[in-house]
Amino acid sequence: VPYLKELGVGHIKYDTRPEHYLIVGKSLLNTLKHFLGEAWTREMAQSWIEAYNLAASVCIEAAYEAMAPTRYAAVTLDDVPPSV
């Protein structure tokens, strides 16, 4: 979970949005299904869906918390160096 939190926060710089995780998740599952062929089972799909949804939700929540307005610290006059 700590790694997933870092990953979610790190994706802020790429402008990753919550709706992007759905697209990536579908792409991942379709890729696995394609390359595993007959080895891809309903049970395997369900396990991957659960794992991906958990990872995505941790990443999304961490990014949301990192960008939360309550964490914003406004610049004040004290932050500006005095004139020389």
PDB file of N, CA and C in Angstrom:
ATOM      1  N   VAL A   1       0.818  -1.204   0.000  1.00  0.00           N
ATOM      2  CA  VAL A   1       0.000   0.000   0.000  1.00  0.00           C
ATOM      3  C   VAL A   1       0.859   1.264   0.000  1.00  0.00           C
ATOM      4  N   PRO A   2       1.929   1.344   0.782  1.00  0.00           N
ATOM      5  CA  PRO A   2       2.750   2.559   0.726  1.00  0.00           C
ATOM      6  C   PRO A   2       3.289   2.834  -0.688  1.00  0.00           C
ATOM      7  N   TYR A   3       3.716   1.777  -1.381  1.00  0.00           N
ATOM      8  CA  TYR A   3       4.215   1.966  -2.746  1.00  0.00           C
ATOM      9  C   TYR A   3       3.102   2.477  -3.656  1.00  0.00           C
ATOM     10  N   LEU A   4       1.914   1.916  -3.532  1.00  0.00           N
ATOM     11  CA  LEU A   4       0.787   2.352  -4.366  1.00  0.00           C
ATOM     12  C   LEU A   4       0.419   3.804  -4.083  1.00  0.00           C
ATOM     13  N   LYS A   5       0.528   4.213  -2.825  1.00  0.00           N
ATOM     14  CA  LYS A   5       0.263   5.616  -2.488  1.00  0.00           C
ATOM     15  C   LYS A   5       1.268   6.529  -3.176  1.00  0.00           C
ATOM     16  N   GLU A   6       2.548   6.148  -3.133  1.00  0.00           N
ATOM     17  CA  GLU A   6       3.587   6.938  -3.804  1.00  0.00           C
ATOM     18  C   GLU A   6       3.343   6.979  -5.313  1.00  0.00           C
ATOM     19  N   LEU A   7       2.932   5.860  -5.857  1.00  0.00           N
ATOM     20  CA  LEU A   7       2.643   5.780  -7.287  1.00  0.00           C
ATOM     21  C   LEU A   7       1.496   6.713  -7.660  1.00  0.00           C
ATOM     22  N   GLY A   8       0.447   6.704  -6.856  1.00  0.00           N
ATOM     23  CA  GLY A   8      -0.694   7.583  -7.117  1.00  0.00           C
ATOM     24  C   GLY A   8      -0.313   9.054  -7.061  1.00  0.00           C
ATOM     25  N   VAL A   9       0.453   9.431  -6.058  1.00  0.00           N
ATOM     26  CA  VAL A   9       0.903  10.816  -5.929  1.00  0.00           C
ATOM     27  C   VAL A   9       1.845  11.166  -7.083  1.00  0.00           C
ATOM     28  N   GLY A  10       2.704  10.226  -7.454  1.00  0.00           N
ATOM     29  CA  GLY A  10       3.638  10.457  -8.547  1.00  0.00           C
ATOM     30  C   GLY A  10       2.945  10.678  -9.887  1.00  0.00           C
ATOM     31  N   HIS A  11       1.780  10.088 -10.062  1.00  0.00           N
ATOM     32  CA  HIS A  11       1.049  10.236 -11.316  1.00  0.00           C
ATOM     33  C   HIS A  11       0.372  11.601 -11.458  1.00  0.00           C
ATOM     34  N   ILE A  12       0.374  12.397 -10.411  1.00  0.00           N
ATOM     35  CA  ILE A  12      -0.188  13.749 -10.495  1.00  0.00           C
ATOM     36  C   ILE A  12       0.546  14.548 -11.570  1.00  0.00           C
ATOM     37  N   LYS A  13       1.865  14.389 -11.635  1.00  0.00           N
ATOM     38  CA  LYS A  13       2.657  15.162 -12.596  1.00  0.00           C
ATOM     39  C   LYS A  13       2.336  14.812 -14.042  1.00  0.00           C
ATOM     40  N   TYR A  14       1.693  13.663 -14.266  1.00  0.00           N
ATOM     41  CA  TYR A  14       1.277  13.280 -15.621  1.00  0.00           C
ATOM     42  C   TYR A  14      -0.177  13.663 -15.888  1.00  0.00           C
ATOM     43  N   ASP A  15      -0.761  14.392 -14.957  1.00  0.00           N
ATOM     44  CA  ASP A  15      -2.161  14.808 -15.047  1.00  0.00           C
ATOM     45  C   ASP A  15      -3.098  13.603 -15.116  1.00  0.00           C
ATOM     46  N   THR A  16      -2.725  12.533 -14.419  1.00  0.00           N
ATOM     47  CA  THR A  16      -3.568  11.346 -14.364  1.00  0.00           C
ATOM     48  C   THR A  16      -4.806  11.668 -13.536  1.00  0.00           C
ATOM     49  N   ARG A  17      -5.949  11.313 -14.067  1.00  0.00           N
ATOM     50  CA  ARG A  17      -7.228  11.578 -13.419  1.00  0.00           C
ATOM     51  C   ARG A  17      -7.911  10.260 -13.083  1.00  0.00           C
ATOM     52  N   PRO A  18      -8.825  10.273 -12.114  1.00  0.00           N
ATOM     53  CA  PRO A  18      -9.485   9.022 -11.723  1.00  0.00           C
ATOM     54  C   PRO A  18     -10.080   8.241 -12.897  1.00  0.00           C
ATOM     55  N   GLU A  19     -10.651   8.935 -13.871  1.00  0.00           N
ATOM     56  CA  GLU A  19     -11.270   8.227 -15.000  1.00  0.00           C
ATOM     57  C   GLU A  19     -10.245   7.500 -15.879  1.00  0.00           C
ATOM     58  N   HIS A  20      -8.988   7.885 -15.794  1.00  0.00           N
ATOM     59  CA  HIS A  20      -7.952   7.203 -16.568  1.00  0.00           C
ATOM     60  C   HIS A  20      -7.705   5.792 -16.050  1.00  0.00           C
ATOM     61  N   TYR A  21      -7.909   5.582 -14.757  1.00  0.00           N
ATOM     62  CA  TYR A  21      -7.670   4.259 -14.183  1.00  0.00           C
ATOM     63  C   TYR A  21      -8.623   3.219 -14.761  1.00  0.00           C
ATOM     64  N   LEU A  22      -9.845   3.602 -15.075  1.00  0.00           N
ATOM     65  CA  LEU A  22     -10.797   2.677 -15.686  1.00  0.00           C
ATOM     66  C   LEU A  22     -10.300   2.249 -17.062  1.00  0.00           C
ATOM     67  N   ILE A  23      -9.819   3.187 -17.841  1.00  0.00           N
ATOM     68  CA  ILE A  23      -9.317   2.894 -19.186  1.00  0.00           C
ATOM     69  C   ILE A  23      -8.109   1.965 -19.111  1.00  0.00           C
ATOM     70  N   VAL A  24      -7.187   2.271 -18.221  1.00  0.00           N
ATOM     71  CA  VAL A  24      -5.990   1.442 -18.060  1.00  0.00           C
ATOM     72  C   VAL A  24      -6.370   0.043 -17.577  1.00  0.00           C
ATOM     73  N   GLY A  25      -7.293  -0.030 -16.636  1.00  0.00           N
ATOM     74  CA  GLY A  25      -7.731  -1.326 -16.121  1.00  0.00           C
ATOM     75  C   GLY A  25      -8.346  -2.192 -17.203  1.00  0.00           C
ATOM     76  N   LYS A  26      -9.211  -1.611 -18.013  1.00  0.00           N
ATOM     77  CA  LYS A  26      -9.822  -2.371 -19.114  1.00  0.00           C
ATOM     78  C   LYS A  26      -8.757  -2.832 -20.104  1.00  0.00           C
ATOM     79  N   SER A  27      -7.817  -1.952 -20.410  1.00  0.00           N
ATOM     80  CA  SER A  27      -6.738  -2.311 -21.339  1.00  0.00           C
ATOM     81  C   SER A  27      -5.890  -3.450 -20.781  1.00  0.00           C
ATOM     82  N   LEU A  28      -5.569  -3.374 -19.500  1.00  0.00           N
ATOM     83  CA  LEU A  28      -4.781  -4.424 -18.861  1.00  0.00           C
ATOM     84  C   LEU A  28      -5.507  -5.759 -18.938  1.00  0.00           C
ATOM     85  N   LEU A  29      -6.773  -5.775 -18.569  1.00  0.00           N
ATOM     86  CA  LEU A  29      -7.536  -7.026 -18.573  1.00  0.00           C
ATOM     87  C   LEU A  29      -7.688  -7.596 -19.977  1.00  0.00           C
ATOM     88  N   ASN A  30      -7.938  -6.742 -20.944  1.00  0.00           N
ATOM     89  CA  ASN A  30      -8.054  -7.223 -22.326  1.00  0.00           C
ATOM     90  C   ASN A  30      -6.729  -7.762 -22.845  1.00  0.00           C
ATOM     91  N   THR A  31      -5.625  -7.139 -22.440  1.00  0.00           N
ATOM     92  CA  THR A  31      -4.297  -7.617 -22.847  1.00  0.00           C
ATOM     93  C   THR A  31      -4.014  -8.987 -22.237  1.00  0.00           C
ATOM     94  N   LEU A  32      -4.298  -9.125 -20.946  1.00  0.00           N
ATOM     95  CA  LEU A  32      -4.092 -10.421 -20.295  1.00  0.00           C
ATOM     96  C   LEU A  32      -4.951 -11.498 -20.954  1.00  0.00           C
ATOM     97  N   LYS A  33      -6.196 -11.183 -21.208  1.00  0.00           N
ATOM     98  CA  LYS A  33      -7.108 -12.139 -21.843  1.00  0.00           C
ATOM     99  C   LYS A  33      -6.583 -12.545 -23.221  1.00  0.00           C
ATOM    100  N   HIS A  34      -6.122 -11.581 -23.977  1.00  0.00           N
ATOM    101  CA  HIS A  34      -5.616 -11.852 -25.326  1.00  0.00           C
ATOM    102  C   HIS A  34      -4.407 -12.790 -25.297  1.00  0.00           C
ATOM    103  N   PHE A  35      -3.429 -12.475 -24.458  1.00  0.00           N
ATOM    104  CA  PHE A  35      -2.198 -13.258 -24.470  1.00  0.00           C
ATOM    105  C   PHE A  35      -2.300 -14.577 -23.711  1.00  0.00           C
ATOM    106  N   LEU A  36      -3.227 -14.689 -22.769  1.00  0.00           N
ATOM    107  CA  LEU A  36      -3.390 -15.951 -22.047  1.00  0.00           C
ATOM    108  C   LEU A  36      -4.314 -16.916 -22.777  1.00  0.00           C
ATOM    109  N   GLY A  37      -5.111 -16.378 -23.663  1.00  0.00           N
ATOM    110  CA  GLY A  37      -5.983 -17.241 -24.460  1.00  0.00           C
ATOM    111  C   GLY A  37      -6.872 -18.120 -23.602  1.00  0.00           C
ATOM    112  N   GLU A  38      -6.815 -19.431 -23.865  1.00  0.00           N
ATOM    113  CA  GLU A  38      -7.676 -20.372 -23.145  1.00  0.00           C
ATOM    114  C   GLU A  38      -7.316 -20.498 -21.669  1.00  0.00           C
ATOM    115  N   ALA A  39      -6.111 -20.082 -21.294  1.00  0.00           N
ATOM    116  CA  ALA A  39      -5.705 -20.132 -19.886  1.00  0.00           C
ATOM    117  C   ALA A  39      -6.427 -19.067 -19.054  1.00  0.00           C
ATOM    118  N   TRP A  40      -6.997 -18.070 -19.738  1.00  0.00           N
ATOM    119  CA  TRP A  40      -7.732 -16.994 -19.057  1.00  0.00           C
ATOM    120  C   TRP A  40      -9.090 -17.536 -18.637  1.00  0.00           C
ATOM    121  N   THR A  41      -9.338 -17.528 -17.339  1.00  0.00           N
ATOM    122  CA  THR A  41     -10.603 -18.053 -16.812  1.00  0.00           C
ATOM    123  C   THR A  41     -11.393 -16.939 -16.137  1.00  0.00           C
ATOM    124  N   ARG A  42     -12.642 -17.214 -15.900  1.00  0.00           N
ATOM    125  CA  ARG A  42     -13.503 -16.251 -15.205  1.00  0.00           C
ATOM    126  C   ARG A  42     -12.958 -15.954 -13.801  1.00  0.00           C
ATOM    127  N   GLU A  43     -12.475 -16.991 -13.125  1.00  0.00           N
ATOM    128  CA  GLU A  43     -11.916 -16.825 -11.778  1.00  0.00           C
ATOM    129  C   GLU A  43     -10.656 -15.959 -11.815  1.00  0.00           C
ATOM    130  N   MET A  44      -9.829 -16.191 -12.837  1.00  0.00           N
ATOM    131  CA  MET A  44      -8.616 -15.389 -12.987  1.00  0.00           C
ATOM    132  C   MET A  44      -8.992 -13.929 -13.253  1.00  0.00           C
ATOM    133  N   ALA A  45      -9.970 -13.735 -14.110  1.00  0.00           N
ATOM    134  CA  ALA A  45     -10.426 -12.378 -14.415  1.00  0.00           C
ATOM    135  C   ALA A  45     -10.925 -11.689 -13.154  1.00  0.00           C
ATOM    136  N   GLN A  46     -11.701 -12.391 -12.355  1.00  0.00           N
ATOM    137  CA  GLN A  46     -12.233 -11.797 -11.126  1.00  0.00           C
ATOM    138  C   GLN A  46     -11.110 -11.425 -10.161  1.00  0.00           C
ATOM    139  N   SER A  47     -10.101 -12.271 -10.054  1.00  0.00           N
ATOM    140  CA  SER A  47      -8.959 -11.970  -9.173  1.00  0.00           C
ATOM    141  C   SER A  47      -8.208 -10.736  -9.647  1.00  0.00           C
ATOM    142  N   TRP A  48      -7.975 -10.644 -10.959  1.00  0.00           N
ATOM    143  CA  TRP A  48      -7.292  -9.475 -11.516  1.00  0.00           C
ATOM    144  C   TRP A  48      -8.125  -8.209 -11.322  1.00  0.00           C
ATOM    145  N   ILE A  49      -9.423  -8.325 -11.509  1.00  0.00           N
ATOM    146  CA  ILE A  49     -10.308  -7.170 -11.322  1.00  0.00           C
ATOM    147  C   ILE A  49     -10.233  -6.676  -9.886  1.00  0.00           C
ATOM    148  N   GLU A  50     -10.301  -7.582  -8.943  1.00  0.00           N
ATOM    149  CA  GLU A  50     -10.225  -7.196  -7.527  1.00  0.00           C
ATOM    150  C   GLU A  50      -8.879  -6.550  -7.204  1.00  0.00           C
ATOM    151  N   ALA A  51      -7.799  -7.150  -7.689  1.00  0.00           N
ATOM    152  CA  ALA A  51      -6.464  -6.612  -7.416  1.00  0.00           C
ATOM    153  C   ALA A  51      -6.291  -5.242  -8.054  1.00  0.00           C
ATOM    154  N   TYR A  52      -6.711  -5.110  -9.305  1.00  0.00           N
ATOM    155  CA  TYR A  52      -6.563  -3.823  -9.993  1.00  0.00           C
ATOM    156  C   TYR A  52      -7.408  -2.748  -9.326  1.00  0.00           C
ATOM    157  N   ASN A  53      -8.645  -3.075  -8.995  1.00  0.00           N
ATOM    158  CA  ASN A  53      -9.513  -2.080  -8.355  1.00  0.00           C
ATOM    159  C   ASN A  53      -8.957  -1.628  -7.010  1.00  0.00           C
ATOM    160  N   LEU A  54      -8.364  -2.542  -6.264  1.00  0.00           N
ATOM    161  CA  LEU A  54      -7.739  -2.164  -4.994  1.00  0.00           C
ATOM    162  C   LEU A  54      -6.565  -1.222  -5.241  1.00  0.00           C
ATOM    163  N   ALA A  55      -5.687  -1.599  -6.174  1.00  0.00           N
ATOM    164  CA  ALA A  55      -4.521  -0.766  -6.469  1.00  0.00           C
ATOM    165  C   ALA A  55      -4.949   0.605  -6.977  1.00  0.00           C
ATOM    166  N   ALA A  56      -5.912   0.634  -7.880  1.00  0.00           N
ATOM    167  CA  ALA A  56      -6.376   1.904  -8.440  1.00  0.00           C
ATOM    168  C   ALA A  56      -7.000   2.784  -7.368  1.00  0.00           C
ATOM    169  N   SER A  57      -7.792   2.195  -6.491  1.00  0.00           N
ATOM    170  CA  SER A  57      -8.444   3.007  -5.460  1.00  0.00           C
ATOM    171  C   SER A  57      -7.428   3.597  -4.490  1.00  0.00           C
ATOM    172  N   VAL A  58      -6.375   2.854  -4.165  1.00  0.00           N
ATOM    173  CA  VAL A  58      -5.319   3.384  -3.283  1.00  0.00           C
ATOM    174  C   VAL A  58      -4.606   4.536  -3.979  1.00  0.00           C
ATOM    175  N   CYS A  59      -4.274   4.364  -5.256  1.00  0.00           N
ATOM    176  CA  CYS A  59      -3.596   5.421  -6.011  1.00  0.00           C
ATOM    177  C   CYS A  59      -4.461   6.676  -6.109  1.00  0.00           C
ATOM    178  N   ILE A  60      -5.724   6.498  -6.428  1.00  0.00           N
ATOM    179  CA  ILE A  60      -6.639   7.631  -6.578  1.00  0.00           C
ATOM    180  C   ILE A  60      -6.802   8.374  -5.255  1.00  0.00           C
ATOM    181  N   GLU A  61      -6.996   7.637  -4.190  1.00  0.00           N
ATOM    182  CA  GLU A  61      -7.181   8.264  -2.869  1.00  0.00           C
ATOM    183  C   GLU A  61      -5.927   9.033  -2.443  1.00  0.00           C
ATOM    184  N   ALA A  62      -4.750   8.459  -2.674  1.00  0.00           N
ATOM    185  CA  ALA A  62      -3.504   9.137  -2.304  1.00  0.00           C
ATOM    186  C   ALA A  62      -3.324  10.420  -3.105  1.00  0.00           C
ATOM    187  N   ALA A  63      -3.629  10.366  -4.401  1.00  0.00           N
ATOM    188  CA  ALA A  63      -3.519  11.573  -5.236  1.00  0.00           C
ATOM    189  C   ALA A  63      -4.503  12.628  -4.771  1.00  0.00           C
ATOM    190  N   TYR A  64      -5.712  12.211  -4.446  1.00  0.00           N
ATOM    191  CA  TYR A  64      -6.727  13.144  -3.967  1.00  0.00           C
ATOM    192  C   TYR A  64      -6.272  13.820  -2.671  1.00  0.00           C
ATOM    193  N   GLU A  65      -5.743  13.027  -1.750  1.00  0.00           N
ATOM    194  CA  GLU A  65      -5.270  13.587  -0.480  1.00  0.00           C
ATOM    195  C   GLU A  65      -4.091  14.535  -0.703  1.00  0.00           C
ATOM    196  N   ALA A  66      -3.208  14.194  -1.633  1.00  0.00           N
ATOM    197  CA  ALA A  66      -2.038  15.033  -1.902  1.00  0.00           C
ATOM    198  C   ALA A  66      -2.443  16.371  -2.504  1.00  0.00           C
ATOM    199  N   MET A  67      -3.557  16.393  -3.218  1.00  0.00           N
ATOM    200  CA  MET A  67      -4.001  17.624  -3.865  1.00  0.00           C
ATOM    201  C   MET A  67      -5.115  18.321  -3.084  1.00  0.00           C
ATOM    202  N   ALA A  68      -5.435  17.817  -1.911  1.00  0.00           N
ATOM    203  CA  ALA A  68      -6.534  18.365  -1.122  1.00  0.00           C
ATOM    204  C   ALA A  68      -6.290  19.841  -0.801  1.00  0.00           C
ATOM    205  N   PRO A  69      -7.308  20.664  -0.975  1.00  0.00           N
ATOM    206  CA  PRO A  69      -7.165  22.099  -0.691  1.00  0.00           C
ATOM    207  C   PRO A  69      -6.707  22.383   0.742  1.00  0.00           C
ATOM    208  N   THR A  70      -7.052  21.513   1.673  1.00  0.00           N
ATOM    209  CA  THR A  70      -6.656  21.740   3.067  1.00  0.00           C
ATOM    210  C   THR A  70      -5.145  21.649   3.245  1.00  0.00           C
ATOM    211  N   ARG A  71      -4.447  21.030   2.300  1.00  0.00           N
ATOM    212  CA  ARG A  71      -2.987  20.941   2.380  1.00  0.00           C
ATOM    213  C   ARG A  71      -2.309  22.128   1.733  1.00  0.00           C
ATOM    214  N   TYR A  72      -3.075  22.978   1.084  1.00  0.00           N
ATOM    215  CA  TYR A  72      -2.527  24.134   0.396  1.00  0.00           C
ATOM    216  C   TYR A  72      -2.107  25.190   1.412  1.00  0.00           C
ATOM    217  N   ALA A  73      -0.887  25.658   1.287  1.00  0.00           N
ATOM    218  CA  ALA A  73      -0.398  26.731   2.148  1.00  0.00           C
ATOM    219  C   ALA A  73      -0.207  27.971   1.276  1.00  0.00           C
ATOM    220  N   ALA A  74      -0.935  28.994   1.570  1.00  0.00           N
ATOM    221  CA  ALA A  74      -0.869  30.224   0.787  1.00  0.00           C
ATOM    222  C   ALA A  74       0.463  30.937   1.015  1.00  0.00           C
ATOM    223  N   VAL A  75       0.939  31.584  -0.029  1.00  0.00           N
ATOM    224  CA  VAL A  75       2.147  32.401   0.061  1.00  0.00           C
ATOM    225  C   VAL A  75       1.772  33.681   0.791  1.00  0.00           C
ATOM    226  N   THR A  76       2.652  34.114   1.662  1.00  0.00           N
ATOM    227  CA  THR A  76       2.413  35.348   2.408  1.00  0.00           C
ATOM    228  C   THR A  76       3.564  36.315   2.170  1.00  0.00           C
ATOM    229  N   LEU A  77       3.411  37.508   2.664  1.00  0.00           N
ATOM    230  CA  LEU A  77       4.462  38.513   2.540  1.00  0.00           C
ATOM    231  C   LEU A  77       5.747  38.046   3.207  1.00  0.00           C
ATOM    232  N   ASP A  78       5.629  37.227   4.228  1.00  0.00           N
ATOM    233  CA  ASP A  78       6.801  36.694   4.916  1.00  0.00           C
ATOM    234  C   ASP A  78       7.650  35.796   4.008  1.00  0.00           C
ATOM    235  N   ASP A  79       7.053  35.288   2.932  1.00  0.00           N
ATOM    236  CA  ASP A  79       7.765  34.401   2.016  1.00  0.00           C
ATOM    237  C   ASP A  79       8.590  35.168   0.969  1.00  0.00           C
ATOM    238  N   VAL A  80       8.380  36.482   0.892  1.00  0.00           N
ATOM    239  CA  VAL A  80       9.073  37.299  -0.086  1.00  0.00           C
ATOM    240  C   VAL A  80      10.278  37.937   0.570  1.00  0.00           C
ATOM    241  N   PRO A  81      11.467  37.766  -0.032  1.00  0.00           N
ATOM    242  CA  PRO A  81      12.653  38.368   0.585  1.00  0.00           C
ATOM    243  C   PRO A  81      12.572  39.900   0.556  1.00  0.00           C
ATOM    244  N   PRO A  82      13.150  40.529   1.552  1.00  0.00           N
ATOM    245  CA  PRO A  82      13.112  41.994   1.588  1.00  0.00           C
ATOM    246  C   PRO A  82      13.960  42.590   0.455  1.00  0.00           C
ATOM    247  N   SER A  83      13.630  43.811   0.085  1.00  0.00           N
ATOM    248  CA  SER A  83      14.381  44.499  -0.953  1.00  0.00           C
ATOM    249  C   SER A  83      15.797  44.774  -0.483  1.00  0.00           C
ATOM    250  N   VAL A  84      16.709  44.771  -1.398  1.00  0.00           N
ATOM    251  CA  VAL A  84      18.119  45.036  -1.047  1.00  0.00           C
ATOM    252  C   VAL A  84      18.429  46.475  -1.239  1.00  0.00           C
TER     253      VAL A  84
END
